[in-house]
């Protein structure tokens, strides 16, 4: 019998955090969305205190902006933050690759293969596809058993979803899935440099899909203009 959130290991505060984080990563709550504590508490059946605790934690993870007297909103990373984010991811995920190459256990290989299969199934659902693609990277980080690496990769992957939600264009889920499959094959074979190069290429492709401009003069209004027109906003 499943435990209730109140007596589960993480408690109700953890459950609120997970619910809000999942909604943000699934893009059900888009960047800039207001997060009123009273409404959230009423919807989730918890106190404003628990909601506030969850929002503070999400703020520490870079997913929520908390401003005095203005409440909380889903974070809106800038393009410059996005560029720096993906550069940092490339460095950290190379370390993940180097740590795991040739050392994956049969159980880990099975778990990663099953996740890739789930990505394949969800490739037509944009938000779900992005979330599952990110989870593949956090799974790899978790398998390193490096606490610091796990924490930072998890945070960067989560913030990547905000970048994609704000500036992203439709991407080829099929391409992302095939890259994950190829990466797993190289990790299993212990082809460290090939795996690292593939990871770098993979993350660079995500950066391109996120429309992160190479020139600092690019204006956010210019970036979003075509999307606003497509939605009848301009």
Protein backbone atom coordinates (compact mmCIF):
# COMPACT_ATOMS: atom_id res chain seq x y z
CA UNK A 1 0.00 0.00 0.00
CA UNK A 2 1.40 3.40 -1.02
CA UNK A 3 2.25 5.77 1.78
CA UNK A 4 0.52 9.11 2.05
CA UNK A 5 2.61 12.22 1.43
CA UNK A 6 2.36 13.06 5.13
CA UNK A 7 4.15 9.90 6.24
CA UNK A 8 6.39 9.30 3.24
CA UNK A 9 10.11 9.71 3.75
CA UNK A 10 10.26 13.20 2.31
CA UNK A 11 7.09 14.44 3.97
CA UNK A 12 4.49 16.81 2.60
CA UNK A 13 7.02 19.60 2.05
CA UNK A 14 8.99 17.28 -0.23
CA UNK A 15 5.79 16.33 -2.05
CA UNK A 16 4.92 19.98 -2.67
CA UNK A 17 8.44 20.62 -3.96
CA UNK A 18 8.25 17.63 -6.30
CA UNK A 19 4.80 18.62 -7.59
CA UNK A 20 5.83 22.19 -8.38
CA UNK A 21 9.16 21.15 -9.88
CA UNK A 22 7.47 18.60 -12.14
CA UNK A 23 4.93 21.19 -13.29
CA UNK A 24 7.75 23.58 -14.16
CA UNK A 25 9.82 20.94 -15.97
CA UNK A 26 6.73 19.78 -17.89
CA UNK A 27 6.20 23.45 -18.87
CA UNK A 28 2.69 23.38 -17.41
CA UNK A 29 3.95 26.39 -15.45
CA UNK A 30 5.79 28.53 -17.96
CA UNK A 31 8.65 30.97 -17.26
CA UNK A 32 7.33 34.16 -15.70
CA UNK A 33 4.16 32.53 -14.34
CA UNK A 34 3.07 33.83 -10.94
CA UNK A 35 3.12 31.34 -8.08
CA UNK A 36 0.69 32.61 -5.38
CA UNK A 37 1.23 30.70 -2.17
CA UNK A 38 -2.44 30.75 -1.14
CA UNK A 39 -3.74 29.37 -4.44
CA UNK A 40 -1.05 26.69 -4.59
CA UNK A 41 -1.69 25.70 -1.00
CA UNK A 42 -5.42 25.44 -1.64
CA UNK A 43 -4.91 23.35 -4.76
CA UNK A 44 -2.42 20.98 -3.12
CA UNK A 45 -4.22 20.86 0.22
CA UNK A 46 -1.28 22.15 2.24
CA UNK A 47 -0.43 25.23 4.29
CA UNK A 48 1.15 28.37 2.85
CA UNK A 49 4.14 27.63 5.06
CA UNK A 50 4.85 24.37 3.21
CA UNK A 51 4.33 26.08 -0.13
CA UNK A 52 6.76 28.84 0.86
CA UNK A 53 9.36 26.26 1.91
CA UNK A 54 9.03 24.55 -1.46
CA UNK A 55 9.33 27.86 -3.32
CA UNK A 56 12.46 28.78 -1.37
CA UNK A 57 14.02 25.45 -2.29
CA UNK A 58 13.05 25.89 -5.95
CA UNK A 59 14.57 29.37 -5.81
CA UNK A 60 17.84 27.87 -4.55
CA UNK A 61 17.70 25.47 -7.50
CA UNK A 62 17.28 28.37 -9.93
CA UNK A 63 13.75 27.46 -11.01
CA UNK A 64 11.83 30.18 -9.16
CA UNK A 65 12.40 33.89 -8.63
CA UNK A 66 11.48 35.17 -5.15
CA UNK A 67 11.25 38.93 -4.73
CA UNK A 68 10.24 40.81 -1.57
CA UNK A 69 6.68 42.17 -1.76
CA UNK A 70 6.28 40.82 -5.30
CA UNK A 71 5.81 37.13 -4.60
CA UNK A 72 7.21 34.21 -6.56
CA UNK A 73 7.34 33.53 -10.27
CA UNK A 74 8.78 30.78 -12.44
CA UNK A 75 12.30 31.91 -13.34
CA UNK A 76 12.99 33.52 -16.71
CA UNK A 77 16.68 32.92 -17.49
CA UNK A 78 18.30 35.38 -19.88
CA UNK A 79 19.99 34.34 -23.10
CA UNK A 80 23.38 35.10 -21.55
CA UNK A 81 22.55 32.85 -18.60
CA UNK A 82 21.51 30.19 -21.08
CA UNK A 83 24.82 30.30 -22.93
CA UNK A 84 26.77 30.03 -19.69
CA UNK A 85 24.51 27.24 -18.48
CA UNK A 86 25.14 25.02 -21.49
CA UNK A 87 28.89 25.69 -21.42
CA UNK A 88 28.95 24.56 -17.79
CA UNK A 89 26.86 21.51 -18.60
CA UNK A 90 29.34 20.48 -21.27
CA UNK A 91 32.21 20.55 -18.77
CA UNK A 92 30.34 18.71 -16.03
CA UNK A 93 28.80 16.08 -18.29
CA UNK A 94 32.18 15.30 -19.80
CA UNK A 95 33.21 14.40 -16.25
CA UNK A 96 30.11 12.20 -15.99
CA UNK A 97 31.12 10.39 -19.17
CA UNK A 98 34.71 9.92 -18.02
CA UNK A 99 33.51 8.53 -14.70
CA UNK A 100 31.06 6.03 -16.19
CA UNK A 101 32.83 4.90 -19.35
CA UNK A 102 33.32 1.15 -19.30
CA UNK A 103 32.00 0.89 -15.73
CA UNK A 104 28.20 0.68 -16.10
CA UNK A 105 26.67 -2.30 -14.31
CA UNK A 106 24.13 -4.58 -16.02
CA UNK A 107 21.42 -3.05 -13.82
CA UNK A 108 22.40 0.47 -14.81
CA UNK A 109 22.48 -0.46 -18.48
CA UNK A 110 19.03 -1.98 -18.17
CA UNK A 111 17.67 1.15 -16.44
CA UNK A 112 19.14 3.48 -19.06
CA UNK A 113 17.87 1.32 -21.91
CA UNK A 114 14.38 1.33 -20.42
CA UNK A 115 14.49 5.11 -20.11
CA UNK A 116 15.54 5.52 -23.73
CA UNK A 117 12.60 3.31 -24.70
CA UNK A 118 10.32 5.65 -22.74
CA UNK A 119 11.80 8.60 -24.61
CA UNK A 120 11.05 6.82 -27.89
CA UNK A 121 7.41 6.35 -26.85
CA UNK A 122 7.02 10.00 -25.80
CA UNK A 123 8.78 11.61 -28.75
CA UNK A 124 5.56 13.19 -30.11
CA UNK A 125 4.80 14.94 -26.80
CA UNK A 126 7.05 18.03 -26.77
CA UNK A 127 7.10 18.90 -23.04
CA UNK A 128 7.28 15.27 -21.92
CA UNK A 129 10.05 14.63 -24.44
CA UNK A 130 12.12 17.50 -23.05
CA UNK A 131 11.62 16.32 -19.46
CA UNK A 132 12.55 12.71 -20.26
CA UNK A 133 15.59 13.83 -22.25
CA UNK A 134 16.75 15.81 -19.23
CA UNK A 135 16.11 12.89 -16.89
CA UNK A 136 18.44 10.73 -18.99
CA UNK A 137 21.27 13.12 -18.16
CA UNK A 138 20.41 13.26 -14.46
CA UNK A 139 20.28 9.45 -14.38
CA UNK A 140 23.80 9.30 -15.75
CA UNK A 141 24.99 11.80 -13.14
CA UNK A 142 23.34 9.81 -10.33
CA UNK A 143 25.19 6.70 -11.45
CA UNK A 144 28.54 8.39 -10.74
CA UNK A 145 27.74 8.42 -6.99
CA UNK A 146 29.45 11.83 -6.90
CA UNK A 147 27.18 13.93 -4.68
CA UNK A 148 28.42 17.31 -5.91
CA UNK A 149 28.27 16.27 -9.55
CA UNK A 150 24.75 14.91 -9.12
CA UNK A 151 23.55 18.14 -7.50
CA UNK A 152 25.00 20.47 -10.10
CA UNK A 153 23.98 18.44 -13.13
CA UNK A 154 20.45 18.09 -11.76
CA UNK A 155 20.17 21.86 -11.28
CA UNK A 156 21.60 22.67 -14.71
CA UNK A 157 19.38 20.16 -16.49
CA UNK A 158 16.32 21.60 -14.75
CA UNK A 159 17.24 25.16 -15.73
CA UNK A 160 17.83 23.97 -19.29
CA UNK A 161 14.12 23.18 -19.53
CA UNK A 162 13.35 26.83 -18.78
CA UNK A 163 15.70 27.94 -21.55
CA UNK A 164 14.00 25.57 -23.99
CA UNK A 165 10.57 26.71 -22.85
CA UNK A 166 11.47 30.37 -23.38
CA UNK A 167 13.56 30.34 -26.51
CA UNK A 168 13.29 26.85 -27.93
CA UNK A 169 11.96 25.78 -31.27
CA UNK A 170 10.47 22.36 -31.96
CA UNK A 171 13.27 19.83 -31.89
CA UNK A 172 13.71 16.39 -33.31
CA UNK A 173 12.99 14.04 -30.42
CA UNK A 174 13.96 11.20 -32.73
CA UNK A 175 17.42 12.73 -33.11
CA UNK A 176 17.82 13.20 -29.35
CA UNK A 177 16.79 9.60 -28.66
CA UNK A 178 19.24 8.22 -31.21
CA UNK A 179 22.02 10.30 -29.68
CA UNK A 180 21.21 8.93 -26.23
CA UNK A 181 21.25 5.40 -27.61
CA UNK A 182 24.61 5.96 -29.31
CA UNK A 183 26.02 7.51 -26.15
CA UNK A 184 24.97 4.51 -24.08
CA UNK A 185 26.60 2.15 -26.58
CA UNK A 186 29.90 4.04 -26.34
CA UNK A 187 29.77 4.12 -22.55
CA UNK A 188 29.18 0.36 -22.45
CA UNK A 189 32.11 -0.19 -24.82
CA UNK A 190 34.39 2.06 -22.76
CA UNK A 191 35.05 4.38 -25.71
CA UNK A 192 35.63 7.38 -23.44
CA UNK A 193 36.82 9.99 -25.95
CA UNK A 194 34.15 9.06 -28.47
CA UNK A 195 31.50 9.21 -25.77
CA UNK A 196 32.78 12.60 -24.56
CA UNK A 197 32.80 13.96 -28.11
CA UNK A 198 29.27 12.69 -28.68
CA UNK A 199 28.08 14.26 -25.42
CA UNK A 200 29.61 17.60 -26.43
CA UNK A 201 27.96 17.40 -29.85
CA UNK A 202 24.66 16.40 -28.25
CA UNK A 203 24.65 19.36 -25.84
CA UNK A 204 25.76 21.73 -28.60
CA UNK A 205 22.77 20.54 -30.64
CA UNK A 206 20.48 21.28 -27.69
CA UNK A 207 22.00 24.76 -27.49
CA UNK A 208 21.27 25.29 -31.18
CA UNK A 209 17.69 24.07 -30.75
CA UNK A 210 17.32 26.51 -27.86
CA UNK A 211 18.11 29.34 -30.26
CA UNK A 212 20.88 30.73 -28.10
CA UNK A 213 22.44 33.37 -30.38
CA UNK A 214 26.18 33.59 -30.90
CA UNK A 215 26.13 37.39 -30.97
CA UNK A 216 25.63 39.33 -27.74
CA UNK A 217 23.67 42.03 -29.60
CA UNK A 218 20.69 39.73 -30.11
CA UNK A 219 17.57 41.16 -28.45
CA UNK A 220 15.07 38.95 -26.70
CA UNK A 221 12.24 40.72 -28.55
CA UNK A 222 13.82 39.76 -31.86
CA UNK A 223 14.21 36.17 -30.73
CA UNK A 224 10.56 35.86 -29.71
CA UNK A 225 9.03 37.91 -32.53
CA UNK A 226 8.17 35.00 -34.82
CA UNK A 227 6.76 32.99 -31.93
CA UNK A 228 4.57 35.88 -30.83
CA UNK A 229 3.25 36.22 -34.40
CA UNK A 230 2.55 32.49 -34.64
CA UNK A 231 0.46 32.69 -31.50
CA UNK A 232 -1.40 35.80 -32.64
CA UNK A 233 0.28 37.97 -30.02
CA UNK A 234 1.84 40.44 -32.43
